[in-house]
Amino acid sequence: MNANFGDWLRRARRDAGLSQKQLCHALIPAGLRLMQSQITKTERGERPVKLNEAVAMAQMFGTTLDVALGLQPGPSGIAAEEAERRAVLLKQAARRTALLNQLRDQIDAELGGDAG
């Protein structure tokens, strides 16, 4: 089951044009804080995916858990167009999250520098 999910996750992430790091950033608003190494291991089937992670990732990519687990075929037609639209939005959200994280780090560094 982990291998099926890992294969799906790799395909969905690549189809969305996201790096593993961008996916990590995109999952933060869903309450998931995963490291890039955890994504790598999940995609390889080396790390068991937690239910809340699997649900959040499936929702993020606009599909259902049964599709992500390989129990049902993937989207086609209008559903595929919706999945494509969500992928674009997901990529934009990941970029914005990364930018906000960079700004936060820069502000923290500047404030920390003034305090010392």
N, C-alpha and C. Protein backbone atom coordinates (compact mmCIF):
# COMPACT_ATOMS: atom_id res chain seq x y z
N MET A 1 0.83 -1.19 0.00
CA MET A 1 0.00 0.00 0.00
C MET A 1 0.87 1.26 0.00
N ASN A 2 1.98 1.23 0.78
CA ASN A 2 2.88 2.39 0.82
C ASN A 2 3.52 2.65 -0.54
N ALA A 3 3.86 1.57 -1.26
CA ALA A 3 4.48 1.73 -2.57
C ALA A 3 3.49 2.37 -3.55
N ASN A 4 2.22 1.94 -3.52
CA ASN A 4 1.21 2.54 -4.39
C ASN A 4 1.06 4.02 -4.10
N PHE A 5 0.98 4.36 -2.84
CA PHE A 5 0.83 5.77 -2.48
C PHE A 5 2.08 6.55 -2.87
N GLY A 6 3.24 5.98 -2.63
CA GLY A 6 4.49 6.65 -2.99
C GLY A 6 4.59 6.92 -4.48
N ASP A 7 4.21 5.93 -5.29
CA ASP A 7 4.23 6.12 -6.74
C ASP A 7 3.26 7.22 -7.15
N TRP A 8 2.05 7.18 -6.57
CA TRP A 8 1.07 8.22 -6.88
C TRP A 8 1.59 9.60 -6.48
N LEU A 9 2.16 9.71 -5.28
CA LEU A 9 2.64 10.99 -4.78
C LEU A 9 3.73 11.55 -5.71
N ARG A 10 4.65 10.72 -6.11
CA ARG A 10 5.73 11.17 -7.00
C ARG A 10 5.14 11.69 -8.32
N ARG A 11 4.21 10.93 -8.90
CA ARG A 11 3.58 11.35 -10.16
C ARG A 11 2.81 12.66 -9.98
N ALA A 12 1.99 12.73 -8.92
CA ALA A 12 1.18 13.92 -8.69
C ALA A 12 2.06 15.15 -8.46
N ARG A 13 3.11 14.98 -7.69
CA ARG A 13 4.03 16.10 -7.41
C ARG A 13 4.71 16.57 -8.68
N ARG A 14 5.22 15.62 -9.46
CA ARG A 14 5.91 15.98 -10.70
C ARG A 14 4.94 16.60 -11.71
N ASP A 15 3.74 16.03 -11.81
CA ASP A 15 2.74 16.59 -12.73
C ASP A 15 2.39 18.02 -12.36
N ALA A 16 2.43 18.31 -11.07
CA ALA A 16 2.14 19.67 -10.59
C ALA A 16 3.35 20.59 -10.75
N GLY A 17 4.49 20.02 -11.13
CA GLY A 17 5.69 20.82 -11.31
C GLY A 17 6.33 21.24 -10.01
N LEU A 18 6.13 20.45 -8.96
CA LEU A 18 6.67 20.79 -7.64
C LEU A 18 7.89 19.96 -7.31
N SER A 19 8.85 20.59 -6.66
CA SER A 19 9.97 19.85 -6.10
C SER A 19 9.49 19.26 -4.76
N GLN A 20 10.27 18.38 -4.21
CA GLN A 20 9.91 17.83 -2.90
C GLN A 20 9.89 18.94 -1.85
N LYS A 21 10.84 19.86 -1.94
CA LYS A 21 10.89 20.96 -0.98
C LYS A 21 9.66 21.85 -1.12
N GLN A 22 9.24 22.12 -2.36
CA GLN A 22 8.04 22.93 -2.56
C GLN A 22 6.81 22.23 -2.00
N LEU A 23 6.76 20.92 -2.14
CA LEU A 23 5.64 20.17 -1.57
C LEU A 23 5.63 20.31 -0.05
N CYS A 24 6.80 20.24 0.57
CA CYS A 24 6.88 20.42 2.02
C CYS A 24 6.27 21.77 2.42
N HIS A 25 6.65 22.82 1.70
CA HIS A 25 6.12 24.16 1.99
C HIS A 25 4.61 24.22 1.75
N ALA A 26 4.15 23.58 0.69
CA ALA A 26 2.72 23.62 0.36
C ALA A 26 1.87 22.88 1.39
N LEU A 27 2.47 21.94 2.11
CA LEU A 27 1.72 21.17 3.11
C LEU A 27 1.59 21.89 4.45
N ILE A 28 2.35 22.93 4.66
CA ILE A 28 2.31 23.65 5.94
C ILE A 28 0.91 24.19 6.25
N PRO A 29 0.22 24.84 5.28
CA PRO A 29 -1.13 25.32 5.60
C PRO A 29 -2.11 24.22 5.99
N ALA A 30 -1.82 22.98 5.57
CA ALA A 30 -2.67 21.84 5.93
C ALA A 30 -2.29 21.28 7.30
N GLY A 31 -1.31 21.93 7.96
CA GLY A 31 -0.91 21.50 9.29
C GLY A 31 0.14 20.41 9.29
N LEU A 32 0.76 20.15 8.13
CA LEU A 32 1.78 19.12 8.04
C LEU A 32 3.14 19.77 7.90
N ARG A 33 4.05 19.37 8.73
CA ARG A 33 5.43 19.87 8.66
C ARG A 33 6.34 18.67 8.41
N LEU A 34 6.56 18.42 7.13
CA LEU A 34 7.38 17.29 6.73
C LEU A 34 8.70 17.79 6.19
N MET A 35 9.73 16.99 6.39
CA MET A 35 11.05 17.28 5.84
C MET A 35 11.13 16.68 4.44
N GLN A 36 12.02 17.22 3.64
CA GLN A 36 12.20 16.70 2.28
C GLN A 36 12.56 15.22 2.32
N SER A 37 13.36 14.81 3.29
CA SER A 37 13.75 13.39 3.40
C SER A 37 12.54 12.50 3.65
N GLN A 38 11.54 13.02 4.38
CA GLN A 38 10.33 12.24 4.63
C GLN A 38 9.52 12.06 3.34
N ILE A 39 9.49 13.11 2.51
CA ILE A 39 8.80 13.01 1.22
C ILE A 39 9.52 11.98 0.35
N THR A 40 10.86 12.05 0.32
CA THR A 40 11.65 11.10 -0.47
C THR A 40 11.34 9.67 -0.05
N LYS A 41 11.37 9.41 1.25
CA LYS A 41 11.12 8.05 1.75
C LYS A 41 9.68 7.62 1.49
N THR A 42 8.74 8.55 1.58
CA THR A 42 7.34 8.22 1.30
C THR A 42 7.19 7.84 -0.17
N GLU A 43 7.81 8.62 -1.07
CA GLU A 43 7.72 8.32 -2.49
C GLU A 43 8.36 6.99 -2.83
N ARG A 44 9.38 6.61 -2.12
CA ARG A 44 10.07 5.33 -2.36
C ARG A 44 9.35 4.15 -1.71
N GLY A 45 8.36 4.43 -0.88
CA GLY A 45 7.66 3.37 -0.16
C GLY A 45 8.43 2.89 1.06
N GLU A 46 9.43 3.67 1.49
CA GLU A 46 10.27 3.30 2.63
C GLU A 46 9.74 3.85 3.95
N ARG A 47 8.78 4.75 3.88
CA ARG A 47 8.23 5.37 5.08
C ARG A 47 6.71 5.20 5.04
N PRO A 48 6.14 4.60 6.08
CA PRO A 48 4.68 4.49 6.11
C PRO A 48 4.05 5.88 6.18
N VAL A 49 3.09 6.11 5.34
CA VAL A 49 2.41 7.40 5.35
C VAL A 49 1.31 7.36 6.40
N LYS A 50 1.19 8.43 7.15
CA LYS A 50 0.14 8.53 8.17
C LYS A 50 -1.17 8.90 7.48
N LEU A 51 -2.27 8.48 8.07
CA LEU A 51 -3.57 8.72 7.46
C LEU A 51 -3.82 10.20 7.23
N ASN A 52 -3.52 11.05 8.21
CA ASN A 52 -3.77 12.48 8.04
C ASN A 52 -2.91 13.07 6.93
N GLU A 53 -1.70 12.54 6.75
CA GLU A 53 -0.83 13.01 5.67
C GLU A 53 -1.41 12.60 4.31
N ALA A 54 -1.82 11.34 4.22
CA ALA A 54 -2.36 10.83 2.96
C ALA A 54 -3.62 11.59 2.56
N VAL A 55 -4.50 11.85 3.51
CA VAL A 55 -5.73 12.58 3.22
C VAL A 55 -5.41 14.00 2.76
N ALA A 56 -4.51 14.68 3.48
CA ALA A 56 -4.15 16.06 3.12
C ALA A 56 -3.51 16.12 1.74
N MET A 57 -2.64 15.18 1.44
CA MET A 57 -1.97 15.18 0.13
C MET A 57 -2.96 14.90 -0.99
N ALA A 58 -3.85 13.94 -0.78
CA ALA A 58 -4.85 13.63 -1.79
C ALA A 58 -5.73 14.85 -2.05
N GLN A 59 -6.19 15.50 -0.99
CA GLN A 59 -7.02 16.69 -1.14
C GLN A 59 -6.25 17.80 -1.84
N MET A 60 -4.99 17.96 -1.49
CA MET A 60 -4.16 19.01 -2.08
C MET A 60 -4.06 18.84 -3.59
N PHE A 61 -3.96 17.60 -4.04
CA PHE A 61 -3.83 17.34 -5.47
C PHE A 61 -5.18 17.09 -6.14
N GLY A 62 -6.25 17.35 -5.41
CA GLY A 62 -7.59 17.30 -5.99
C GLY A 62 -8.09 15.92 -6.32
N THR A 63 -7.74 14.95 -5.49
CA THR A 63 -8.22 13.59 -5.74
C THR A 63 -8.69 12.98 -4.43
N THR A 64 -9.03 11.73 -4.48
CA THR A 64 -9.51 11.03 -3.29
C THR A 64 -8.44 10.05 -2.81
N LEU A 65 -8.59 9.62 -1.59
CA LEU A 65 -7.62 8.70 -1.00
C LEU A 65 -7.61 7.36 -1.74
N ASP A 66 -8.75 6.90 -2.20
CA ASP A 66 -8.77 5.62 -2.92
C ASP A 66 -8.01 5.70 -4.24
N VAL A 67 -8.01 6.86 -4.89
CA VAL A 67 -7.21 7.04 -6.10
C VAL A 67 -5.73 7.09 -5.73
N ALA A 68 -5.40 7.83 -4.68
CA ALA A 68 -4.00 7.96 -4.25
C ALA A 68 -3.42 6.61 -3.83
N LEU A 69 -4.24 5.74 -3.30
CA LEU A 69 -3.78 4.42 -2.86
C LEU A 69 -3.81 3.39 -3.98
N GLY A 70 -4.29 3.80 -5.16
CA GLY A 70 -4.34 2.90 -6.30
C GLY A 70 -5.53 1.96 -6.29
N LEU A 71 -6.53 2.27 -5.48
CA LEU A 71 -7.71 1.41 -5.40
C LEU A 71 -8.75 1.76 -6.46
N GLN A 72 -8.67 2.96 -7.02
CA GLN A 72 -9.57 3.44 -8.07
C GLN A 72 -8.73 4.12 -9.14
N PRO A 73 -9.22 4.14 -10.39
CA PRO A 73 -8.47 4.84 -11.44
C PRO A 73 -8.47 6.35 -11.21
N GLY A 74 -7.49 7.01 -11.77
CA GLY A 74 -7.35 8.45 -11.61
C GLY A 74 -8.36 9.23 -12.41
N PRO A 75 -8.28 10.56 -12.33
CA PRO A 75 -9.26 11.43 -12.98
C PRO A 75 -9.13 11.42 -14.50
N SER A 76 -10.25 11.72 -15.16
CA SER A 76 -10.24 11.88 -16.61
C SER A 76 -11.24 12.96 -16.97
N GLY A 77 -11.11 13.52 -18.17
CA GLY A 77 -12.06 14.53 -18.63
C GLY A 77 -12.06 15.78 -17.77
N ILE A 78 -13.23 16.17 -17.31
CA ILE A 78 -13.39 17.39 -16.51
C ILE A 78 -12.61 17.26 -15.21
N ALA A 79 -12.60 16.07 -14.62
CA ALA A 79 -11.85 15.87 -13.37
C ALA A 79 -10.36 16.12 -13.60
N ALA A 80 -9.86 15.73 -14.76
CA ALA A 80 -8.44 15.96 -15.06
C ALA A 80 -8.16 17.45 -15.20
N GLU A 81 -9.08 18.18 -15.81
CA GLU A 81 -8.91 19.62 -15.94
C GLU A 81 -8.90 20.29 -14.56
N GLU A 82 -9.78 19.83 -13.68
CA GLU A 82 -9.81 20.37 -12.32
C GLU A 82 -8.52 20.04 -11.58
N ALA A 83 -8.02 18.83 -11.77
CA ALA A 83 -6.77 18.44 -11.13
C ALA A 83 -5.62 19.31 -11.65
N GLU A 84 -5.64 19.63 -12.94
CA GLU A 84 -4.61 20.48 -13.52
C GLU A 84 -4.69 21.90 -12.95
N ARG A 85 -5.90 22.41 -12.80
CA ARG A 85 -6.10 23.75 -12.23
C ARG A 85 -5.60 23.78 -10.79
N ARG A 86 -5.92 22.74 -10.04
CA ARG A 86 -5.45 22.67 -8.65
C ARG A 86 -3.94 22.58 -8.58
N ALA A 87 -3.33 21.89 -9.53
CA ALA A 87 -1.87 21.77 -9.56
C ALA A 87 -1.22 23.13 -9.74
N VAL A 88 -1.80 23.96 -10.61
CA VAL A 88 -1.28 25.31 -10.82
C VAL A 88 -1.41 26.12 -9.54
N LEU A 89 -2.57 26.05 -8.91
CA LEU A 89 -2.80 26.78 -7.67
C LEU A 89 -1.87 26.29 -6.56
N LEU A 90 -1.65 24.99 -6.53
CA LEU A 90 -0.76 24.41 -5.53
C LEU A 90 0.66 24.92 -5.70
N LYS A 91 1.11 24.98 -6.95
CA LYS A 91 2.46 25.47 -7.21
C LYS A 91 2.59 26.93 -6.79
N GLN A 92 1.56 27.73 -7.07
CA GLN A 92 1.57 29.14 -6.66
C GLN A 92 1.61 29.24 -5.13
N ALA A 93 0.82 28.42 -4.46
CA ALA A 93 0.79 28.45 -3.00
C ALA A 93 2.14 28.04 -2.42
N ALA A 94 2.78 27.06 -3.01
CA ALA A 94 4.09 26.62 -2.53
C ALA A 94 5.13 27.73 -2.68
N ARG A 95 5.08 28.43 -3.81
CA ARG A 95 6.02 29.54 -4.01
C ARG A 95 5.78 30.65 -2.99
N ARG A 96 4.52 30.96 -2.75
CA ARG A 96 4.20 32.01 -1.78
C ARG A 96 4.61 31.61 -0.37
N THR A 97 4.39 30.37 -0.02
CA THR A 97 4.78 29.89 1.31
C THR A 97 6.29 29.97 1.47
N ALA A 98 7.02 29.57 0.44
CA ALA A 98 8.48 29.63 0.49
C ALA A 98 8.95 31.08 0.63
N LEU A 99 8.32 31.99 -0.10
CA LEU A 99 8.68 33.40 -0.01
C LEU A 99 8.40 33.95 1.38
N LEU A 100 7.25 33.62 1.93
CA LEU A 100 6.91 34.07 3.28
C LEU A 100 7.90 33.52 4.30
N ASN A 101 8.30 32.27 4.13
CA ASN A 101 9.29 31.67 5.04
C ASN A 101 10.63 32.40 4.94
N GLN A 102 11.03 32.76 3.73
CA GLN A 102 12.28 33.50 3.54
C GLN A 102 12.20 34.87 4.20
N LEU A 103 11.07 35.55 4.01
CA LEU A 103 10.88 36.86 4.63
C LEU A 103 10.90 36.76 6.15
N ARG A 104 10.24 35.75 6.68
CA ARG A 104 10.23 35.54 8.12
C ARG A 104 11.64 35.32 8.65
N ASP A 105 12.41 34.48 7.94
CA ASP A 105 13.78 34.22 8.36
C ASP A 105 14.63 35.47 8.30
N GLN A 106 14.42 36.28 7.26
CA GLN A 106 15.18 37.52 7.13
C GLN A 106 14.84 38.48 8.26
N ILE A 107 13.55 38.61 8.57
CA ILE A 107 13.12 39.49 9.66
C ILE A 107 13.67 39.00 10.99
N ASP A 108 13.57 37.68 11.23
CA ASP A 108 14.12 37.11 12.46
C ASP A 108 15.61 37.39 12.59
N ALA A 109 16.34 37.27 11.48
CA ALA A 109 17.79 37.51 11.49
C ALA A 109 18.09 38.97 11.81
N GLU A 110 17.32 39.87 11.20
CA GLU A 110 17.53 41.29 11.44
C GLU A 110 17.18 41.68 12.86
N LEU A 111 16.10 41.14 13.37
CA LEU A 111 15.70 41.44 14.75
C LEU A 111 16.69 40.84 15.74
N GLY A 112 17.15 39.64 15.44
CA GLY A 112 18.13 38.99 16.28
C GLY A 112 19.45 39.73 16.28
N GLY A 113 19.81 40.29 15.13
CA GLY A 113 21.04 41.06 15.02
C GLY A 113 20.99 42.35 15.82
N ASP A 114 19.80 42.99 15.88
CA ASP A 114 19.66 44.24 16.64
C ASP A 114 19.66 43.98 18.13
N ALA A 115 19.15 42.81 18.53
CA ALA A 115 19.02 42.53 19.96
C ALA A 115 20.38 42.25 20.60
N GLY A 116 21.35 41.79 19.79
CA GLY A 116 22.63 41.38 20.34
C GLY A 116 23.57 42.48 20.46
